[in-house]
Full PDB file with SEQRES, HELIX, SHEET, SSBOND, CRYST1, ORIGX, SCALE, CONECT and MASTER records, all heavy atoms in Angstrom:
SEQRES   1 A   37  ASP ILE SER GLU VAL ASP GLY VAL ILE ARG MET ILE GLN          
SEQRES   2 A   37  THR GLU ASP SER GLN LEU THR LEU PRO THR LEU GLU ARG          
SEQRES   3 A   37  LYS GLY LYS VAL ARG MET ALA GLN ILE ALA THR                  
HELIX    1 AA1 ILE A    2  GLN A   18  1                                  17    
CRYST1    1.000    1.000    1.000  90.00  90.00  90.00 P 1           1          
ORIGX1      1.000000  0.000000  0.000000        0.00000                         
ORIGX2      0.000000  1.000000  0.000000        0.00000                         
ORIGX3      0.000000  0.000000  1.000000        0.00000                         
SCALE1      1.000000  0.000000  0.000000        0.00000                         
SCALE2      0.000000  1.000000  0.000000        0.00000                         
SCALE3      0.000000  0.000000  1.000000        0.00000                         
ATOM      1  N   ASP A   1      89.652-159.398 -39.144  1.00  0.00           N  
ATOM      2  CA  ASP A   1      90.021-159.312 -40.550  1.00  0.00           C  
ATOM      3  C   ASP A   1      91.326-158.525 -40.681  1.00  0.00           C  
ATOM      4  O   ASP A   1      91.892-158.062 -39.691  1.00  0.00           O  
ATOM      5  CB  ASP A   1      88.902-158.687 -41.395  1.00  0.00           C  
ATOM      6  CG  ASP A   1      88.518-157.290 -40.935  1.00  0.00           C  
ATOM      7  OD1 ASP A   1      89.328-156.643 -40.219  1.00  0.00           O  
ATOM      8  OD2 ASP A   1      87.412-156.833 -41.264  1.00  0.00           O  
ATOM      9  N   ILE A   2      91.762-158.375 -41.912  1.00  0.00           N  
ATOM     10  CA  ILE A   2      93.068-157.754 -42.147  1.00  0.00           C  
ATOM     11  C   ILE A   2      93.102-156.312 -41.663  1.00  0.00           C  
ATOM     12  O   ILE A   2      94.131-155.819 -41.201  1.00  0.00           O  
ATOM     13  CB  ILE A   2      93.437-157.854 -43.647  1.00  0.00           C  
ATOM     14  CG1 ILE A   2      94.940-157.630 -43.848  1.00  0.00           C  
ATOM     15  CG2 ILE A   2      92.610-156.897 -44.480  1.00  0.00           C  
ATOM     16  CD1 ILE A   2      95.789-158.790 -43.388  1.00  0.00           C  
ATOM     17  N   SER A   3      91.954-155.623 -41.736  1.00  0.00           N  
ATOM     18  CA  SER A   3      91.926-154.223 -41.295  1.00  0.00           C  
ATOM     19  C   SER A   3      92.098-154.120 -39.782  1.00  0.00           C  
ATOM     20  O   SER A   3      92.735-153.199 -39.295  1.00  0.00           O  
ATOM     21  CB  SER A   3      90.608-153.559 -41.725  1.00  0.00           C  
ATOM     22  OG  SER A   3      89.505-154.210 -41.135  1.00  0.00           O  
ATOM     23  N   GLU A   4      91.534-155.083 -39.039  1.00  0.00           N  
ATOM     24  CA  GLU A   4      91.709-155.041 -37.584  1.00  0.00           C  
ATOM     25  C   GLU A   4      93.149-155.378 -37.205  1.00  0.00           C  
ATOM     26  O   GLU A   4      93.700-154.813 -36.256  1.00  0.00           O  
ATOM     27  CB  GLU A   4      90.743-155.988 -36.888  1.00  0.00           C  
ATOM     28  CG  GLU A   4      90.849-155.884 -35.376  1.00  0.00           C  
ATOM     29  CD  GLU A   4      89.689-156.529 -34.630  1.00  0.00           C  
ATOM     30  OE1 GLU A   4      88.730-156.969 -35.281  1.00  0.00           O  
ATOM     31  OE2 GLU A   4      89.762-156.585 -33.389  1.00  0.00           O  
ATOM     32  N   VAL A   5      93.768-156.290 -37.947  1.00  0.00           N  
ATOM     33  CA  VAL A   5      95.178-156.599 -37.702  1.00  0.00           C  
ATOM     34  C   VAL A   5      96.008-155.336 -37.882  1.00  0.00           C  
ATOM     35  O   VAL A   5      96.849-155.001 -37.044  1.00  0.00           O  
ATOM     36  CB  VAL A   5      95.673-157.699 -38.663  1.00  0.00           C  
ATOM     37  CG1 VAL A   5      97.169-157.975 -38.429  1.00  0.00           C  
ATOM     38  CG2 VAL A   5      94.873-158.985 -38.464  1.00  0.00           C  
ATOM     39  N   ASP A   6      95.743-154.618 -38.962  1.00  0.00           N  
ATOM     40  CA  ASP A   6      96.450-153.364 -39.216  1.00  0.00           C  
ATOM     41  C   ASP A   6      96.225-152.370 -38.085  1.00  0.00           C  
ATOM     42  O   ASP A   6      97.154-151.698 -37.639  1.00  0.00           O  
ATOM     43  CB  ASP A   6      95.968-152.770 -40.545  1.00  0.00           C  
ATOM     44  CG  ASP A   6      96.622-151.430 -40.848  1.00  0.00           C  
ATOM     45  OD1 ASP A   6      97.825-151.404 -41.131  1.00  0.00           O  
ATOM     46  OD2 ASP A   6      95.919-150.402 -40.784  1.00  0.00           O  
ATOM     47  N   GLY A   7      94.975-152.285 -37.604  1.00  0.00           N  
ATOM     48  CA  GLY A   7      94.661-151.359 -36.526  1.00  0.00           C  
ATOM     49  C   GLY A   7      95.398-151.678 -35.240  1.00  0.00           C  
ATOM     50  O   GLY A   7      95.921-150.777 -34.573  1.00  0.00           O  
ATOM     51  N   VAL A   8      95.457-152.949 -34.880  1.00  0.00           N  
ATOM     52  CA  VAL A   8      96.144-153.338 -33.645  1.00  0.00           C  
ATOM     53  C   VAL A   8      97.646-153.070 -33.764  1.00  0.00           C  
ATOM     54  O   VAL A   8      98.285-152.611 -32.811  1.00  0.00           O  
ATOM     55  CB  VAL A   8      95.866-154.820 -33.320  1.00  0.00           C  
ATOM     56  CG1 VAL A   8      96.716-155.269 -32.128  1.00  0.00           C  
ATOM     57  CG2 VAL A   8      94.399-155.032 -33.010  1.00  0.00           C  
ATOM     58  N   ILE A   9      98.207-153.326 -34.935  1.00  0.00           N  
ATOM     59  CA  ILE A   9      99.633-153.027 -35.139  1.00  0.00           C  
ATOM     60  C   ILE A   9      99.895-151.544 -34.931  1.00  0.00           C  
ATOM     61  O   ILE A   9     100.853-151.150 -34.258  1.00  0.00           O  
ATOM     62  CB  ILE A   9     100.077-153.472 -36.550  1.00  0.00           C  
ATOM     63  CG1 ILE A   9     100.063-154.987 -36.675  1.00  0.00           C  
ATOM     64  CG2 ILE A   9     101.491-152.944 -36.860  1.00  0.00           C  
ATOM     65  CD1 ILE A   9     100.276-155.500 -38.092  1.00  0.00           C  
ATOM     66  N   ARG A  10      99.038-150.705 -35.489  1.00  0.00           N  
ATOM     67  CA  ARG A  10      99.210-149.256 -35.330  1.00  0.00           C  
ATOM     68  C   ARG A  10      99.151-148.864 -33.855  1.00  0.00           C  
ATOM     69  O   ARG A  10      99.936-148.038 -33.384  1.00  0.00           O  
ATOM     70  CB  ARG A  10      98.118-148.504 -36.096  1.00  0.00           C  
ATOM     71  CG  ARG A  10      98.170-148.642 -37.597  1.00  0.00           C  
ATOM     72  CD  ARG A  10      97.179-147.686 -38.212  1.00  0.00           C  
ATOM     73  NE  ARG A  10      96.856-147.994 -39.594  1.00  0.00           N  
ATOM     74  CZ  ARG A  10      96.447-147.096 -40.478  1.00  0.00           C  
ATOM     75  NH1 ARG A  10      96.333-145.833 -40.134  1.00  0.00           N  
ATOM     76  NH2 ARG A  10      96.143-147.445 -41.711  1.00  0.00           N  
ATOM     77  N   MET A  11      98.192-149.441 -33.135  1.00  0.00           N  
ATOM     78  CA  MET A  11      98.027-149.089 -31.726  1.00  0.00           C  
ATOM     79  C   MET A  11      99.255-149.502 -30.915  1.00  0.00           C  
ATOM     80  O   MET A  11      99.742-148.749 -30.072  1.00  0.00           O  
ATOM     81  CB  MET A  11      96.768-149.752 -31.170  1.00  0.00           C  
ATOM     82  CG  MET A  11      95.478-149.316 -31.835  1.00  0.00           C  
ATOM     83  SD  MET A  11      94.969-147.653 -31.394  1.00  0.00           S  
ATOM     84  CE  MET A  11      94.213-147.951 -29.806  1.00  0.00           C  
ATOM     85  N   ILE A  12      99.760-150.690 -31.177  1.00  0.00           N  
ATOM     86  CA  ILE A  12     100.941-151.180 -30.456  1.00  0.00           C  
ATOM     87  C   ILE A  12     102.155-150.300 -30.745  1.00  0.00           C  
ATOM     88  O   ILE A  12     102.912-149.926 -29.844  1.00  0.00           O  
ATOM     89  CB  ILE A  12     101.236-152.643 -30.850  1.00  0.00           C  
ATOM     90  CG1 ILE A  12     100.146-153.588 -30.328  1.00  0.00           C  
ATOM     91  CG2 ILE A  12     102.608-153.077 -30.348  1.00  0.00           C  
ATOM     92  CD1 ILE A  12     100.117-153.758 -28.832  1.00  0.00           C  
ATOM     93  N   GLN A  13     102.339-149.947 -32.006  1.00  0.00           N  
ATOM     94  CA  GLN A  13     103.482-149.113 -32.364  1.00  0.00           C  
ATOM     95  C   GLN A  13     103.397-147.736 -31.721  1.00  0.00           C  
ATOM     96  O   GLN A  13     104.402-147.180 -31.284  1.00  0.00           O  
ATOM     97  CB  GLN A  13     103.583-148.990 -33.885  1.00  0.00           C  
ATOM     98  CG  GLN A  13     104.013-150.278 -34.567  1.00  0.00           C  
ATOM     99  CD  GLN A  13     104.029-150.163 -36.087  1.00  0.00           C  
ATOM    100  OE1 GLN A  13     103.173-149.508 -36.682  1.00  0.00           O  
ATOM    101  NE2 GLN A  13     105.001-150.798 -36.719  1.00  0.00           N  
ATOM    102  N   THR A  14     102.183-147.186 -31.667  1.00  0.00           N  
ATOM    103  CA  THR A  14     102.008-145.875 -31.037  1.00  0.00           C  
ATOM    104  C   THR A  14     102.247-145.965 -29.538  1.00  0.00           C  
ATOM    105  O   THR A  14     102.843-145.077 -28.930  1.00  0.00           O  
ATOM    106  CB  THR A  14     100.592-145.341 -31.307  1.00  0.00           C  
ATOM    107  OG1 THR A  14     100.414-145.223 -32.713  1.00  0.00           O  
ATOM    108  CG2 THR A  14     100.397-143.970 -30.652  1.00  0.00           C  
ATOM    109  N   GLU A  15     101.811-147.053 -28.928  1.00  0.00           N  
ATOM    110  CA  GLU A  15     102.031-147.242 -27.500  1.00  0.00           C  
ATOM    111  C   GLU A  15     103.513-147.177 -27.177  1.00  0.00           C  
ATOM    112  O   GLU A  15     103.931-146.513 -26.224  1.00  0.00           O  
ATOM    113  CB  GLU A  15     101.460-148.591 -27.052  1.00  0.00           C  
ATOM    114  CG  GLU A  15     101.720-148.886 -25.571  1.00  0.00           C  
ATOM    115  CD  GLU A  15     101.394-150.313 -25.199  1.00  0.00           C  
ATOM    116  OE1 GLU A  15     101.161-151.134 -26.104  1.00  0.00           O  
ATOM    117  OE2 GLU A  15     101.383-150.614 -23.999  1.00  0.00           O  
ATOM    118  N   ASP A  16     104.324-147.824 -27.992  1.00  0.00           N  
ATOM    119  CA  ASP A  16     105.761-147.865 -27.724  1.00  0.00           C  
ATOM    120  C   ASP A  16     106.451-146.554 -28.049  1.00  0.00           C  
ATOM    121  O   ASP A  16     107.448-146.197 -27.425  1.00  0.00           O  
ATOM    122  CB  ASP A  16     106.403-148.996 -28.529  1.00  0.00           C  
ATOM    123  CG  ASP A  16     106.110-150.363 -27.922  1.00  0.00           C  
ATOM    124  OD1 ASP A  16     105.510-150.400 -26.825  1.00  0.00           O  
ATOM    125  OD2 ASP A  16     106.457-151.382 -28.549  1.00  0.00           O  
ATOM    126  N   SER A  17     105.933-145.824 -29.056  1.00  0.00           N  
ATOM    127  CA  SER A  17     106.616-144.601 -29.470  1.00  0.00           C  
ATOM    128  C   SER A  17     106.209-143.388 -28.645  1.00  0.00           C  
ATOM    129  O   SER A  17     106.978-142.454 -28.486  1.00  0.00           O  
ATOM    130  CB  SER A  17     106.340-144.318 -30.957  1.00  0.00           C  
ATOM    131  OG  SER A  17     104.964-144.072 -31.167  1.00  0.00           O  
ATOM    132  N   GLN A  18     104.964-143.396 -28.106  1.00  0.00           N  
ATOM    133  CA  GLN A  18     104.478-142.214 -27.401  1.00  0.00           C  
ATOM    134  C   GLN A  18     104.216-142.462 -25.923  1.00  0.00           C  
ATOM    135  O   GLN A  18     104.545-141.651 -25.078  1.00  0.00           O  
ATOM    136  CB  GLN A  18     103.179-141.719 -28.060  1.00  0.00           C  
ATOM    137  CG  GLN A  18     103.370-141.244 -29.484  1.00  0.00           C  
ATOM    138  CD  GLN A  18     102.068-140.763 -30.090  1.00  0.00           C  
ATOM    139  OE1 GLN A  18     101.007-140.856 -29.481  1.00  0.00           O  
ATOM    140  NE2 GLN A  18     102.127-140.248 -31.295  1.00  0.00           N  
ATOM    141  N   LEU A  19     103.585-143.570 -25.611  1.00  0.00           N  
ATOM    142  CA  LEU A  19     103.218-143.898 -24.230  1.00  0.00           C  
ATOM    143  C   LEU A  19     102.403-142.782 -23.579  1.00  0.00           C  
ATOM    144  O   LEU A  19     102.562-142.474 -22.408  1.00  0.00           O  
ATOM    145  CB  LEU A  19     104.471-144.174 -23.384  1.00  0.00           C  
ATOM    146  CG  LEU A  19     105.281-145.398 -23.803  1.00  0.00           C  
ATOM    147  CD1 LEU A  19     106.514-145.521 -22.931  1.00  0.00           C  
ATOM    148  CD2 LEU A  19     104.466-146.662 -23.739  1.00  0.00           C  
ATOM    149  N   THR A  20     101.513-142.147 -24.361  1.00  0.00           N  
ATOM    150  CA  THR A  20     100.693-141.067 -23.808  1.00  0.00           C  
ATOM    151  C   THR A  20      99.209-141.378 -23.869  1.00  0.00           C  
ATOM    152  O   THR A  20      98.403-140.580 -23.425  1.00  0.00           O  
ATOM    153  CB  THR A  20     100.937-139.770 -24.593  1.00  0.00           C  
ATOM    154  OG1 THR A  20     100.637-139.988 -25.987  1.00  0.00           O  
ATOM    155  CG2 THR A  20     102.369-139.309 -24.461  1.00  0.00           C  
ATOM    156  N   LEU A  21      98.840-142.515 -24.426  1.00  0.00           N  
ATOM    157  CA  LEU A  21      97.425-142.822 -24.553  1.00  0.00           C  
ATOM    158  C   LEU A  21      96.907-143.488 -23.286  1.00  0.00           C  
ATOM    159  O   LEU A  21      97.379-144.557 -22.900  1.00  0.00           O  
ATOM    160  CB  LEU A  21      97.184-143.761 -25.756  1.00  0.00           C  
ATOM    161  CG  LEU A  21      97.529-143.163 -27.124  1.00  0.00           C  
ATOM    162  CD1 LEU A  21      97.351-144.224 -28.199  1.00  0.00           C  
ATOM    163  CD2 LEU A  21      96.630-141.979 -27.418  1.00  0.00           C  
ATOM    164  N   PRO A  22      95.913-142.883 -22.629  1.00  0.00           N  
ATOM    165  CA  PRO A  22      95.411-143.474 -21.384  1.00  0.00           C  
ATOM    166  C   PRO A  22      94.665-144.776 -21.600  1.00  0.00           C  
ATOM    167  O   PRO A  22      94.418-145.518 -20.665  1.00  0.00           O  
ATOM    168  CB  PRO A  22      94.441-142.393 -20.864  1.00  0.00           C  
ATOM    169  CG  PRO A  22      94.025-141.643 -22.088  1.00  0.00           C  
ATOM    170  CD  PRO A  22      95.220-141.657 -22.997  1.00  0.00           C  
ATOM    171  N   THR A  23      94.302-145.100 -22.848  1.00  0.00           N  
ATOM    172  CA  THR A  23      93.525-146.306 -23.112  1.00  0.00           C  
ATOM    173  C   THR A  23      94.409-147.513 -23.392  1.00  0.00           C  
ATOM    174  O   THR A  23      93.919-148.576 -23.702  1.00  0.00           O  
ATOM    175  CB  THR A  23      92.599-146.069 -24.319  1.00  0.00           C  
ATOM    176  OG1 THR A  23      93.396-145.693 -25.449  1.00  0.00           O  
ATOM    177  CG2 THR A  23      91.612-144.973 -24.040  1.00  0.00           C  
ATOM    178  N   LEU A  24      95.729-147.343 -23.303  1.00  0.00           N  
ATOM    179  CA  LEU A  24      96.629-148.451 -23.584  1.00  0.00           C  
ATOM    180  C   LEU A  24      97.358-148.885 -22.317  1.00  0.00           C  
ATOM    181  O   LEU A  24      97.673-148.083 -21.460  1.00  0.00           O  
ATOM    182  CB  LEU A  24      97.662-148.032 -24.638  1.00  0.00           C  
ATOM    183  CG  LEU A  24      97.101-147.634 -26.011  1.00  0.00           C  
ATOM    184  CD1 LEU A  24      98.246-147.217 -26.925  1.00  0.00           C  
ATOM    185  CD2 LEU A  24      96.334-148.773 -26.626  1.00  0.00           C  
ATOM    186  N   GLU A  25      97.600-150.171 -22.224  1.00  0.00           N  
ATOM    187  CA  GLU A  25      98.338-150.704 -21.094  1.00  0.00           C  
ATOM    188  C   GLU A  25      99.756-151.039 -21.539  1.00  0.00           C  
ATOM    189  O   GLU A  25      99.960-151.710 -22.546  1.00  0.00           O  
ATOM    190  CB  GLU A  25      97.664-151.983 -20.571  1.00  0.00           C  
ATOM    191  CG  GLU A  25      96.271-151.744 -19.995  1.00  0.00           C  
ATOM    192  CD  GLU A  25      95.659-153.035 -19.508  1.00  0.00           C  
ATOM    193  OE1 GLU A  25      96.219-154.108 -19.791  1.00  0.00           O  
ATOM    194  OE2 GLU A  25      94.633-152.969 -18.828  1.00  0.00           O  
ATOM    195  N   ARG A  26     100.726-150.559 -20.798  1.00  0.00           N  
ATOM    196  CA  ARG A  26     102.120-150.819 -21.135  1.00  0.00           C  
ATOM    197  C   ARG A  26     102.367-152.329 -21.202  1.00  0.00           C  
ATOM    198  O   ARG A  26     102.107-153.064 -20.246  1.00  0.00           O  
ATOM    199  CB  ARG A  26     103.027-150.167 -20.096  1.00  0.00           C  
ATOM    200  CG  ARG A  26     104.510-150.442 -20.305  1.00  0.00           C  
ATOM    201  CD  ARG A  26     104.991-149.825 -21.594  1.00  0.00           C  
ATOM    202  NE  ARG A  26     106.432-149.942 -21.707  1.00  0.00           N  
ATOM    203  CZ  ARG A  26     107.106-149.728 -22.825  1.00  0.00           C  
ATOM    204  NH1 ARG A  26     106.450-149.424 -23.926  1.00  0.00           N  
ATOM    205  NH2 ARG A  26     108.408-149.829 -22.842  1.00  0.00           N  
ATOM    206  N   LYS A  27     102.835-152.777 -22.350  1.00  0.00           N  
ATOM    207  CA  LYS A  27     103.182-154.187 -22.563  1.00  0.00           C  
ATOM    208  C   LYS A  27     101.997-155.128 -22.327  1.00  0.00           C  
ATOM    209  O   LYS A  27     102.157-156.306 -22.093  1.00  0.00           O  
ATOM    210  CB  LYS A  27     104.326-154.612 -21.639  1.00  0.00           C  
ATOM    211  CG  LYS A  27     105.579-153.772 -21.805  1.00  0.00           C  
ATOM    212  CD  LYS A  27     106.128-153.815 -23.219  1.00  0.00           C  
ATOM    213  CE  LYS A  27     107.413-153.008 -23.330  1.00  0.00           C  
ATOM    214  NZ  LYS A  27     107.897-152.943 -24.709  1.00  0.00           N  
ATOM    215  N   GLY A  28     100.782-154.611 -22.385  1.00  0.00           N  
ATOM    216  CA  GLY A  28      99.610-155.449 -22.158  1.00  0.00           C  
ATOM    217  C   GLY A  28      98.714-155.492 -23.365  1.00  0.00           C  
ATOM    218  O   GLY A  28      99.062-155.085 -24.461  1.00  0.00           O  
ATOM    219  N   LYS A  29      97.525-156.015 -23.151  1.00  0.00           N  
ATOM    220  CA  LYS A  29      96.557-156.136 -24.231  1.00  0.00           C  
ATOM    221  C   LYS A  29      96.007-154.760 -24.607  1.00  0.00           C  
ATOM    222  O   LYS A  29      95.734-153.930 -23.753  1.00  0.00           O  
ATOM    223  CB  LYS A  29      95.406-157.045 -23.789  1.00  0.00           C  
ATOM    224  CG  LYS A  29      94.349-157.244 -24.870  1.00  0.00           C  
ATOM    225  CD  LYS A  29      93.238-158.133 -24.361  1.00  0.00           C  
ATOM    226  CE  LYS A  29      92.134-158.240 -25.404  1.00  0.00           C  
ATOM    227  NZ  LYS A  29      91.009-159.068 -24.929  1.00  0.00           N  
ATOM    228  N   VAL A  30      95.863-154.525 -25.910  1.00  0.00           N  
ATOM    229  CA  VAL A  30      95.333-153.256 -26.380  1.00  0.00           C  
ATOM    230  C   VAL A  30      93.830-153.206 -26.115  1.00  0.00           C  
ATOM    231  O   VAL A  30      93.096-154.126 -26.455  1.00  0.00           O  
ATOM    232  CB  VAL A  30      95.591-153.094 -27.889  1.00  0.00           C  
ATOM    233  CG1 VAL A  30      95.009-151.779 -28.392  1.00  0.00           C  
ATOM    234  CG2 VAL A  30      97.079-153.142 -28.178  1.00  0.00           C  
ATOM    235  N   ARG A  31      93.386-152.136 -25.491  1.00  0.00           N  
ATOM    236  CA  ARG A  31      91.954-151.941 -25.250  1.00  0.00           C  
ATOM    237  C   ARG A  31      91.448-150.871 -26.213  1.00  0.00           C  
ATOM    238  O   ARG A  31      91.416-149.694 -25.886  1.00  0.00           O  
ATOM    239  CB  ARG A  31      91.706-151.500 -23.804  1.00  0.00           C  
ATOM    240  CG  ARG A  31      92.045-152.537 -22.766  1.00  0.00           C  
ATOM    241  CD  ARG A  31      91.721-151.993 -21.381  1.00  0.00           C  
ATOM    242  NE  ARG A  31      91.989-152.945 -20.341  1.00  0.00           N  
ATOM    243  CZ  ARG A  31      91.812-152.695 -19.045  1.00  0.00           C  
ATOM    244  NH1 ARG A  31      91.391-151.493 -18.665  1.00  0.00           N  
ATOM    245  NH2 ARG A  31      92.069-153.611 -18.137  1.00  0.00           N  
ATOM    246  N   MET A  32      91.083-151.278 -27.385  1.00  0.00           N  
ATOM    247  CA  MET A  32      90.628-150.317 -28.375  1.00  0.00           C  
ATOM    248  C   MET A  32      89.160-149.980 -28.158  1.00  0.00           C  
ATOM    249  O   MET A  32      88.351-150.838 -27.810  1.00  0.00           O  
ATOM    250  CB  MET A  32      90.848-150.858 -29.782  1.00  0.00           C  
ATOM    251  CG  MET A  32      92.313-151.005 -30.138  1.00  0.00           C  
ATOM    252  SD  MET A  32      92.557-151.543 -31.840  1.00  0.00           S  
ATOM    253  CE  MET A  32      91.960-153.225 -31.735  1.00  0.00           C  
ATOM    254  N   ALA A  33      88.827-148.722 -28.357  1.00  0.00           N  
ATOM    255  CA  ALA A  33      87.444-148.278 -28.193  1.00  0.00           C  
ATOM    256  C   ALA A  33      86.558-148.982 -29.210  1.00  0.00           C  
ATOM    257  O   ALA A  33      86.983-149.319 -30.317  1.00  0.00           O  
ATOM    258  CB  ALA A  33      87.360-146.763 -28.380  1.00  0.00           C  
ATOM    259  N   GLN A  34      85.287-149.185 -28.819  1.00  0.00           N  
ATOM    260  CA  GLN A  34      84.332-149.862 -29.683  1.00  0.00           C  
ATOM    261  C   GLN A  34      83.018-149.097 -29.698  1.00  0.00           C  
ATOM    262  O   GLN A  34      82.645-148.452 -28.723  1.00  0.00           O  
ATOM    263  CB  GLN A  34      84.064-151.283 -29.191  1.00  0.00           C  
ATOM    264  CG  GLN A  34      85.267-152.190 -29.166  1.00  0.00           C  
ATOM    265  CD  GLN A  34      84.906-153.575 -28.646  1.00  0.00           C  
ATOM    266  OE1 GLN A  34      83.770-154.014 -28.731  1.00  0.00           O  
ATOM    267  NE2 GLN A  34      85.894-154.263 -28.107  1.00  0.00           N  
ATOM    268  N   ILE A  35      82.305-149.209 -30.827  1.00  0.00           N  
ATOM    269  CA  ILE A  35      80.939-148.726 -30.940  1.00  0.00           C  
ATOM    270  C   ILE A  35      80.107-149.908 -31.414  1.00  0.00           C  
ATOM    271  O   ILE A  35      80.400-150.491 -32.462  1.00  0.00           O  
ATOM    272  CB  ILE A  35      80.823-147.558 -31.939  1.00  0.00           C  
ATOM    273  CG1 ILE A  35      81.644-146.357 -31.461  1.00  0.00           C  
ATOM    274  CG2 ILE A  35      79.361-147.149 -32.124  1.00  0.00           C  
ATOM    275  CD1 ILE A  35      81.721-145.232 -32.487  1.00  0.00           C  
ATOM    276  N   ALA A  36      79.094-150.259 -30.647  1.00  0.00           N  
ATOM    277  CA  ALA A  36      78.310-151.450 -30.968  1.00  0.00           C  
ATOM    278  C   ALA A  36      76.840-151.117 -31.149  1.00  0.00           C  
ATOM    279  O   ALA A  36      76.257-150.343 -30.386  1.00  0.00           O  
ATOM    280  CB  ALA A  36      78.481-152.498 -29.865  1.00  0.00           C  
ATOM    281  N   THR A  37      76.242-151.696 -32.174  1.00  0.00           N  
ATOM    282  CA  THR A  37      74.797-151.685 -32.361  1.00  0.00           C  
ATOM    283  C   THR A  37      74.356-153.130 -32.514  1.00  0.00           C  
ATOM    284  O   THR A  37      75.181-154.053 -32.517  1.00  0.00           O  
ATOM    285  CB  THR A  37      74.383-150.877 -33.609  1.00  0.00           C  
ATOM    286  OG1 THR A  37      74.909-151.530 -34.776  1.00  0.00           O  
ATOM    287  CG2 THR A  37      74.908-149.449 -33.544  1.00  0.00           C  
TER     288      THR A  37                                                      
MASTER        0    0    0    1    0    0    0    6  287    1    0    3          
END                                                                             
């Protein structure tokens, strides 16, 4: 949905600006944390 699109955009932008998140792959697919029930 639109909120997830917004979330992925934020993650990608942060990856490029900081490159300090261990959960992100440089120039790769975003691996966002999940909580599932």
